[in-house]
Every structure is written in C-alpha cells, then in structure tokens.
C-alpha cells in the first residue's frame, strides 16, 4: 500500500519491481523480522489447511454415506431393494431436507 501511495500511477509490474529492489537493498537484520513472521504464518497456514482438509473429508464421507442410502423410488413402490433401504425417502422428500 505504501509503494502504491508513493507511486499512484505505476503498474503492478512496476510495484513488484520496486518492492524487489527494496528487499534486495534491505539489511539482513531488517529482513530477519519478515522471515520470522513468514515462518510463523506458514506454520499457522499449514495447521489451518490440515483442519480444513479434515473437515472436508468428514463432510465428503458424510455426504457419500447419506446419498448412498437414498432411494430413488416412489415410497408407494415396493420391491426387495426398497424394503431393505434404511430410509424410505422419495426424491422430493430428500430434496426438502437440504
């Protein structure tokens, strides 16, 4: 934001170039703060992604289980498959549950 406010008419490419020049000219001591912050944020990101992926896996597994028990037959129809289906849903009833 600072580079953009100092140079309002430059392109994104030029902003990247300016930032690269500033980074290269920065002392190692000044860079240390940014590198340490990046390591902390990277670890936090990895942990958030692991939680997100685990949550998505649970949702996907739940979705597969739920839909695999769904019958596409009308509730009044009967046959062996319909009678052994754990839930007696019609397509319309299943849609309303969402």
C-alpha atoms as a PDB file:
ATOM      1  CA  UNK A   1       0.000   0.000   0.000  1.00  0.00           C
ATOM      2  CA  UNK A   2       2.870   2.348   0.788  1.00  0.00           C
ATOM      3  CA  UNK A   3       4.512   1.809  -2.599  1.00  0.00           C
ATOM      4  CA  UNK A   4       1.185   2.363  -4.349  1.00  0.00           C
ATOM      5  CA  UNK A   5       0.501   5.566  -2.408  1.00  0.00           C
ATOM      6  CA  UNK A   6       4.002   6.853  -3.170  1.00  0.00           C
ATOM      7  CA  UNK A   7       3.648   5.894  -6.866  1.00  0.00           C
ATOM      8  CA  UNK A   8      -0.072   6.076  -7.720  1.00  0.00           C
ATOM      9  CA  UNK A   9       0.390   5.825 -11.495  1.00  0.00           C
ATOM     10  CA  UNK A  10       2.686   2.789 -11.729  1.00  0.00           C
ATOM     11  CA  UNK A  11       1.629  -0.639 -12.935  1.00  0.00           C
ATOM     12  CA  UNK A  12       1.547  -3.753 -10.754  1.00  0.00           C
ATOM     13  CA  UNK A  13       4.691  -4.909 -12.529  1.00  0.00           C
ATOM     14  CA  UNK A  14       6.480  -1.733 -11.502  1.00  0.00           C
ATOM     15  CA  UNK A  15       5.231  -2.071  -7.912  1.00  0.00           C
ATOM     16  CA  UNK A  16       6.711  -5.598  -7.826  1.00  0.00           C
ATOM     17  CA  UNK A  17       9.984  -4.290  -9.241  1.00  0.00           C
ATOM     18  CA  UNK A  18      10.165  -1.513  -6.634  1.00  0.00           C
ATOM     19  CA  UNK A  19       9.427  -3.958  -3.808  1.00  0.00           C
ATOM     20  CA  UNK A  20      12.112  -6.322  -5.116  1.00  0.00           C
ATOM     21  CA  UNK A  21      14.655  -3.518  -5.155  1.00  0.00           C
ATOM     22  CA  UNK A  22      13.740  -2.519  -1.602  1.00  0.00           C
ATOM     23  CA  UNK A  23      14.083  -6.130  -0.431  1.00  0.00           C
ATOM     24  CA  UNK A  24      17.475  -6.581  -2.081  1.00  0.00           C
ATOM     25  CA  UNK A  25      18.730  -3.336  -0.526  1.00  0.00           C
ATOM     26  CA  UNK A  26      17.452  -4.184   2.953  1.00  0.00           C
ATOM     27  CA  UNK A  27      19.964  -5.325   5.584  1.00  0.00           C
ATOM     28  CA  UNK A  28      19.875  -8.914   6.822  1.00  0.00           C
ATOM     29  CA  UNK A  29      18.885  -7.659  10.257  1.00  0.00           C
ATOM     30  CA  UNK A  30      15.902  -5.779   8.804  1.00  0.00           C
ATOM     31  CA  UNK A  31      14.892  -8.872   6.811  1.00  0.00           C
ATOM     32  CA  UNK A  32      15.006 -11.095   9.916  1.00  0.00           C
ATOM     33  CA  UNK A  33      11.654  -9.801  11.225  1.00  0.00           C
ATOM     34  CA  UNK A  34       9.905 -10.556   7.929  1.00  0.00           C
ATOM     35  CA  UNK A  35      11.452 -14.016   7.654  1.00  0.00           C
ATOM     36  CA  UNK A  36      10.482 -14.935  11.211  1.00  0.00           C
ATOM     37  CA  UNK A  37       6.951 -13.663  10.635  1.00  0.00           C
ATOM     38  CA  UNK A  38       6.729 -15.709   7.437  1.00  0.00           C
ATOM     39  CA  UNK A  39       7.751 -18.908   9.252  1.00  0.00           C
ATOM     40  CA  UNK A  40       5.108 -18.388  11.943  1.00  0.00           C
ATOM     41  CA  UNK A  41       2.415 -17.580   9.392  1.00  0.00           C
ATOM     42  CA  UNK A  42       3.384 -20.547   7.211  1.00  0.00           C
ATOM     43  CA  UNK A  43       3.006 -22.922  10.171  1.00  0.00           C
ATOM     44  CA  UNK A  44      -0.369 -21.402  11.063  1.00  0.00           C
ATOM     45  CA  UNK A  45      -1.452 -21.798   7.444  1.00  0.00           C
ATOM     46  CA  UNK A  46      -0.426 -25.461   7.409  1.00  0.00           C
ATOM     47  CA  UNK A  47      -2.417 -26.110  10.578  1.00  0.00           C
ATOM     48  CA  UNK A  48      -5.497 -24.299   9.227  1.00  0.00           C
ATOM     49  CA  UNK A  49      -5.269 -26.244   5.962  1.00  0.00           C
ATOM     50  CA  UNK A  50      -4.963 -29.549   7.830  1.00  0.00           C
ATOM     51  CA  UNK A  51      -8.107 -28.714   9.843  1.00  0.00           C
ATOM     52  CA  UNK A  52      -9.914 -27.600   6.683  1.00  0.00           C
ATOM     53  CA  UNK A  53      -8.990 -30.769   4.784  1.00  0.00           C
ATOM     54  CA  UNK A  54     -10.056 -32.960   7.712  1.00  0.00           C
ATOM     55  CA  UNK A  55     -13.370 -31.115   7.888  1.00  0.00           C
ATOM     56  CA  UNK A  56     -13.883 -31.504   4.138  1.00  0.00           C
ATOM     57  CA  UNK A  57     -13.096 -35.216   4.366  1.00  0.00           C
ATOM     58  CA  UNK A  58     -15.736 -35.612   7.098  1.00  0.00           C
ATOM     59  CA  UNK A  59     -18.266 -33.671   5.025  1.00  0.00           C
ATOM     60  CA  UNK A  60     -17.467 -35.727   1.915  1.00  0.00           C
ATOM     61  CA  UNK A  61     -17.715 -39.002   3.844  1.00  0.00           C
ATOM     62  CA  UNK A  62     -20.993 -37.925   5.402  1.00  0.00           C
ATOM     63  CA  UNK A  63     -22.331 -36.896   2.020  1.00  0.00           C
ATOM     64  CA  UNK A  64     -21.374 -40.226   0.437  1.00  0.00           C
ATOM     65  CA  UNK A  65     -22.983 -42.158   3.289  1.00  0.00           C
ATOM     66  CA  UNK A  66     -26.133 -40.071   3.232  1.00  0.00           C
ATOM     67  CA  UNK A  67     -26.646 -40.263  -0.523  1.00  0.00           C
ATOM     68  CA  UNK A  68     -25.820 -43.952  -0.759  1.00  0.00           C
ATOM     69  CA  UNK A  69     -28.792 -44.729   1.490  1.00  0.00           C
ATOM     70  CA  UNK A  70     -31.164 -42.606  -0.583  1.00  0.00           C
ATOM     71  CA  UNK A  71     -33.702 -44.439  -2.711  1.00  0.00           C
ATOM     72  CA  UNK A  72     -34.920 -43.014  -5.987  1.00  0.00           C
ATOM     73  CA  UNK A  73     -38.166 -44.966  -5.921  1.00  0.00           C
ATOM     74  CA  UNK A  74     -41.547 -43.593  -5.065  1.00  0.00           C
ATOM     75  CA  UNK A  75     -42.466 -44.587  -1.468  1.00  0.00           C
ATOM     76  CA  UNK A  76     -45.548 -46.479  -2.659  1.00  0.00           C
ATOM     77  CA  UNK A  77     -43.464 -48.812  -4.844  1.00  0.00           C
ATOM     78  CA  UNK A  78     -42.192 -51.919  -3.141  1.00  0.00           C
ATOM     79  CA  UNK A  79     -39.512 -54.380  -4.080  1.00  0.00           C
ATOM     80  CA  UNK A  80     -36.668 -56.120  -2.273  1.00  0.00           C
ATOM     81  CA  UNK A  81     -34.282 -53.157  -2.576  1.00  0.00           C
ATOM     82  CA  UNK A  82     -36.899 -50.664  -1.380  1.00  0.00           C
ATOM     83  CA  UNK A  83     -37.856 -52.720   1.658  1.00  0.00           C
ATOM     84  CA  UNK A  84     -34.249 -53.065   2.807  1.00  0.00           C
ATOM     85  CA  UNK A  85     -33.403 -49.385   2.330  1.00  0.00           C
ATOM     86  CA  UNK A  86     -32.918 -47.839   5.786  1.00  0.00           C
ATOM     87  CA  UNK A  87     -34.769 -44.642   4.877  1.00  0.00           C
ATOM     88  CA  UNK A  88     -38.000 -44.541   2.961  1.00  0.00           C
ATOM     89  CA  UNK A  89     -37.345 -41.273   1.102  1.00  0.00           C
ATOM     90  CA  UNK A  90     -38.704 -40.133  -2.172  1.00  0.00           C
ATOM     91  CA  UNK A  91     -36.615 -37.803  -4.323  1.00  0.00           C
ATOM     92  CA  UNK A  92     -38.893 -34.873  -3.396  1.00  0.00           C
ATOM     93  CA  UNK A  93     -38.602 -35.594   0.339  1.00  0.00           C
ATOM     94  CA  UNK A  94     -34.809 -35.895   0.068  1.00  0.00           C
ATOM     95  CA  UNK A  95     -34.576 -32.529  -1.674  1.00  0.00           C
ATOM     96  CA  UNK A  96     -36.570 -30.810   1.071  1.00  0.00           C
ATOM     97  CA  UNK A  97     -34.096 -31.925   3.751  1.00  0.00           C
ATOM     98  CA  UNK A  98     -31.391 -29.658   2.385  1.00  0.00           C
END
